[in-house]
Amino acid sequence: RRLVAARDRGSRVHHALHFLIEDDLDNDSIDEETRGYLESGRKYLDAYVAEIFRAEFRVWSTSFGCAGTLDLLGVHADGGVFIGDWKSGNPEDVSADLQLAAYLGFALEMSATDPQLGAQLRARGPVVKRRSIRLYRDGRIARETLYTNARDYGKFLGALALVHDQARRNAAAYCMEAPA
């Protein structure tokens, strides 16, 4: 139940922040729990985000057969391009470092066929930083965690290979057990 509640809360918060960024938020539609997280994100955007290129957009890898939704691609107040992921819980609990490495890897792969995305990723130099953005229910300003380990994408791909391998094993076992 706790995981379902956390997932539902995260969904509501992500939707609210997306509508806020798109300047299409109906404040009357926000429940009290979501309102605090939304205010936390709003304060973060005001303090640390100089420009937003994209919000809530799909990234994928055809090479590795995986996809996700990147919450934020923009220019940070420090002047560099960054990708960000909103978290309404502890980012460490969900391996945000590996998740963001995957999203960045997927976006870089996609940039080979999406020139606009490529230009956005290179807008301020060759380095794109990865940040999880921890939102707080009480509305205080969100706190970011910067991830710099260059090995994170390799770790993600290793984990993904295990998931794909297990899926193949399960499919093969199912085919062997199925009646002819």
Protein backbone atom coordinates (compact mmCIF):
# COMPACT_ATOMS: atom_id res chain seq x y z
CA ARG A 1 0.00 0.00 0.00
CA ARG A 2 2.82 2.42 0.83
CA LEU A 3 4.44 1.94 -2.58
CA VAL A 4 1.14 2.44 -4.39
CA ALA A 5 0.46 5.59 -2.35
CA ALA A 6 3.97 6.91 -3.08
CA ARG A 7 3.57 6.18 -6.79
CA ASP A 8 0.19 7.94 -6.89
CA ARG A 9 1.58 10.94 -5.00
CA GLY A 10 4.53 11.13 -7.39
CA SER A 11 2.19 11.03 -10.37
CA ARG A 12 0.04 13.86 -9.04
CA VAL A 13 3.11 15.96 -8.23
CA HIS A 14 4.68 15.36 -11.65
CA HIS A 15 1.47 16.32 -13.42
CA ALA A 16 1.09 19.48 -11.35
CA LEU A 17 4.68 20.55 -12.02
CA HIS A 18 4.28 19.84 -15.72
CA PHE A 19 1.18 22.05 -15.88
CA LEU A 20 3.01 24.72 -13.86
CA ILE A 21 5.91 24.72 -16.32
CA GLU A 22 3.53 24.78 -19.29
CA ASP A 23 1.72 27.73 -17.65
CA ASP A 24 -1.52 25.73 -17.70
CA LEU A 25 -1.98 24.95 -14.01
CA ASP A 26 -5.46 25.15 -12.47
CA ASN A 27 -4.62 25.92 -8.83
CA ASP A 28 -8.11 24.87 -7.72
CA SER A 29 -7.46 21.33 -8.96
CA ILE A 30 -4.49 20.76 -6.62
CA ASP A 31 -5.10 18.72 -3.46
CA GLU A 32 -3.47 19.80 -0.19
CA GLU A 33 -0.77 17.14 -0.18
CA THR A 34 0.28 17.97 -3.74
CA ARG A 35 0.21 21.71 -3.06
CA GLY A 36 3.23 21.58 -0.73
CA TYR A 37 5.31 19.57 -3.19
CA LEU A 38 4.26 21.93 -5.98
CA GLU A 39 5.36 24.96 -3.95
CA SER A 40 8.67 23.24 -3.21
CA GLY A 41 9.21 22.74 -6.96
CA ARG A 42 8.11 26.28 -7.80
CA LYS A 43 10.69 27.69 -5.39
CA TYR A 44 13.38 25.49 -6.93
CA LEU A 45 12.47 26.60 -10.46
CA ASP A 46 12.57 30.26 -9.43
CA ALA A 47 15.92 29.93 -7.66
CA TYR A 48 17.86 27.50 -9.86
CA VAL A 49 16.43 27.20 -13.36
CA ALA A 50 17.40 29.91 -15.84
CA GLU A 51 15.71 28.35 -18.88
CA ILE A 52 13.60 25.29 -19.61
CA PHE A 53 14.01 23.54 -22.96
CA ARG A 54 11.70 20.58 -22.34
CA ALA A 55 9.58 19.18 -19.54
CA GLU A 56 8.09 15.70 -19.13
CA PHE A 57 9.34 14.26 -22.40
CA ARG A 58 9.97 10.69 -23.44
CA VAL A 59 13.50 9.46 -24.00
CA TRP A 60 14.38 6.01 -25.29
CA SER A 61 17.13 3.81 -26.55
CA THR A 62 16.49 1.61 -29.55
CA SER A 63 19.93 0.11 -28.93
CA PHE A 64 19.02 -1.10 -25.45
CA GLY A 65 15.23 -1.44 -25.66
CA CYS A 66 14.33 0.89 -22.84
CA ALA A 67 12.48 4.19 -22.33
CA GLY A 68 11.56 6.69 -19.65
CA THR A 69 10.18 10.16 -19.10
CA LEU A 70 12.67 12.91 -18.41
CA ASP A 71 11.19 15.57 -16.16
CA LEU A 72 13.32 18.56 -17.05
CA LEU A 73 15.96 19.63 -19.58
CA GLY A 74 17.18 23.17 -19.20
CA VAL A 75 19.81 25.64 -18.14
CA HIS A 76 20.71 25.74 -14.46
CA ALA A 77 21.49 28.95 -12.60
CA ASP A 78 25.15 27.85 -12.68
CA GLY A 79 25.05 28.36 -16.47
CA GLY A 80 25.23 24.72 -17.53
CA VAL A 81 22.72 22.46 -19.23
CA PHE A 82 21.18 19.88 -16.94
CA ILE A 83 18.62 17.13 -16.83
CA GLY A 84 16.50 16.94 -13.72
CA ASP A 85 14.13 14.46 -12.18
CA TRP A 86 11.53 15.43 -9.59
CA LYS A 87 11.41 13.20 -6.51
CA SER A 88 8.72 13.39 -3.84
CA GLY A 89 10.68 10.89 -1.75
CA ASN A 90 14.33 10.11 -1.13
CA PRO A 91 16.21 9.90 -4.47
CA GLU A 92 18.57 7.30 -3.01
CA ASP A 93 15.65 4.93 -2.46
CA VAL A 94 15.06 4.69 -6.22
CA SER A 95 18.62 4.82 -7.61
CA ALA A 96 18.12 8.27 -9.12
CA ASP A 97 21.81 8.39 -10.07
CA LEU A 98 21.39 5.41 -12.43
CA GLN A 99 17.97 6.56 -13.66
CA LEU A 100 19.33 9.97 -14.66
CA ALA A 101 22.38 8.39 -16.28
CA ALA A 102 20.02 6.29 -18.39
CA TYR A 103 17.93 9.30 -19.35
CA LEU A 104 21.03 11.24 -20.37
CA GLY A 105 22.37 8.29 -22.36
CA PHE A 106 19.02 7.87 -24.11
CA ALA A 107 18.78 11.61 -24.88
CA LEU A 108 22.30 11.58 -26.33
CA GLU A 109 21.40 8.57 -28.50
CA MET A 110 18.21 10.32 -29.66
CA SER A 111 20.11 13.51 -30.48
CA ALA A 112 21.67 11.71 -33.46
CA THR A 113 18.28 11.89 -35.19
CA ASP A 114 16.77 14.90 -33.37
CA PRO A 115 18.89 17.97 -34.22
CA GLN A 116 16.90 20.26 -31.91
CA LEU A 117 17.52 17.96 -28.94
CA GLY A 118 21.20 17.79 -29.90
CA ALA A 119 21.43 21.58 -29.97
CA GLN A 120 19.72 21.83 -26.59
CA LEU A 121 22.07 19.28 -25.03
CA ARG A 122 25.11 21.18 -26.41
CA ALA A 123 23.74 24.70 -25.74
CA ARG A 124 26.27 25.51 -23.02
CA GLY A 125 29.15 23.16 -23.69
CA PRO A 126 29.79 19.46 -23.90
CA VAL A 127 28.83 18.57 -20.31
CA VAL A 128 25.22 17.93 -19.28
CA LYS A 129 24.80 17.61 -15.52
CA ARG A 130 22.39 15.21 -13.84
CA ARG A 131 20.34 16.37 -10.86
CA SER A 132 17.62 14.77 -8.80
CA ILE A 133 15.33 17.37 -7.27
CA ARG A 134 13.93 16.36 -3.87
CA LEU A 135 10.58 18.04 -3.26
CA TYR A 136 9.12 18.57 0.20
CA ARG A 137 5.54 18.24 1.33
CA ASP A 138 5.83 21.29 3.60
CA GLY A 139 6.63 23.57 0.65
CA ARG A 140 10.22 24.43 1.55
CA ILE A 141 12.56 24.82 -1.41
CA ALA A 142 13.51 21.58 -3.12
CA ARG A 143 17.04 20.26 -2.68
CA GLU A 144 19.06 18.99 -5.59
CA THR A 145 21.59 16.20 -5.66
CA LEU A 146 24.23 16.36 -8.37
CA TYR A 147 25.47 13.07 -9.85
CA THR A 148 28.93 13.02 -11.40
CA ASN A 149 30.01 9.38 -11.51
CA ALA A 150 30.87 8.61 -15.13
CA ARG A 151 30.30 4.90 -14.45
CA ASP A 152 26.59 5.29 -13.67
CA TYR A 153 25.43 4.63 -17.24
CA GLY A 154 27.46 1.42 -17.38
CA LYS A 155 25.93 0.33 -14.07
CA PHE A 156 22.46 1.03 -15.43
CA LEU A 157 23.16 -0.93 -18.62
CA GLY A 158 24.46 -3.86 -16.58
CA ALA A 159 21.26 -3.91 -14.51
CA LEU A 160 19.16 -3.57 -17.66
CA ALA A 161 20.98 -6.53 -19.24
CA LEU A 162 20.02 -8.64 -16.21
CA VAL A 163 16.38 -7.58 -16.52
CA HIS A 164 16.32 -8.41 -20.23
CA ASP A 165 18.06 -11.75 -19.58
CA GLN A 166 15.54 -12.67 -16.88
CA ALA A 167 12.64 -11.78 -19.19
CA ARG A 168 14.10 -14.04 -21.90
CA ARG A 169 14.56 -16.89 -19.41
CA ASN A 170 10.98 -16.53 -18.18
CA ALA A 171 9.65 -16.46 -21.75
CA ALA A 172 11.69 -19.54 -22.67
CA ALA A 173 10.48 -21.40 -19.56
CA TYR A 174 6.89 -20.46 -20.37
CA CYS A 175 7.27 -21.77 -23.94
CA MET A 176 8.71 -25.06 -22.66
CA GLU A 177 5.89 -25.52 -20.15
CA ALA A 178 3.04 -24.55 -22.47
CA PRO A 179 1.03 -27.49 -23.79
CA ALA A 180 1.57 -28.29 -27.46
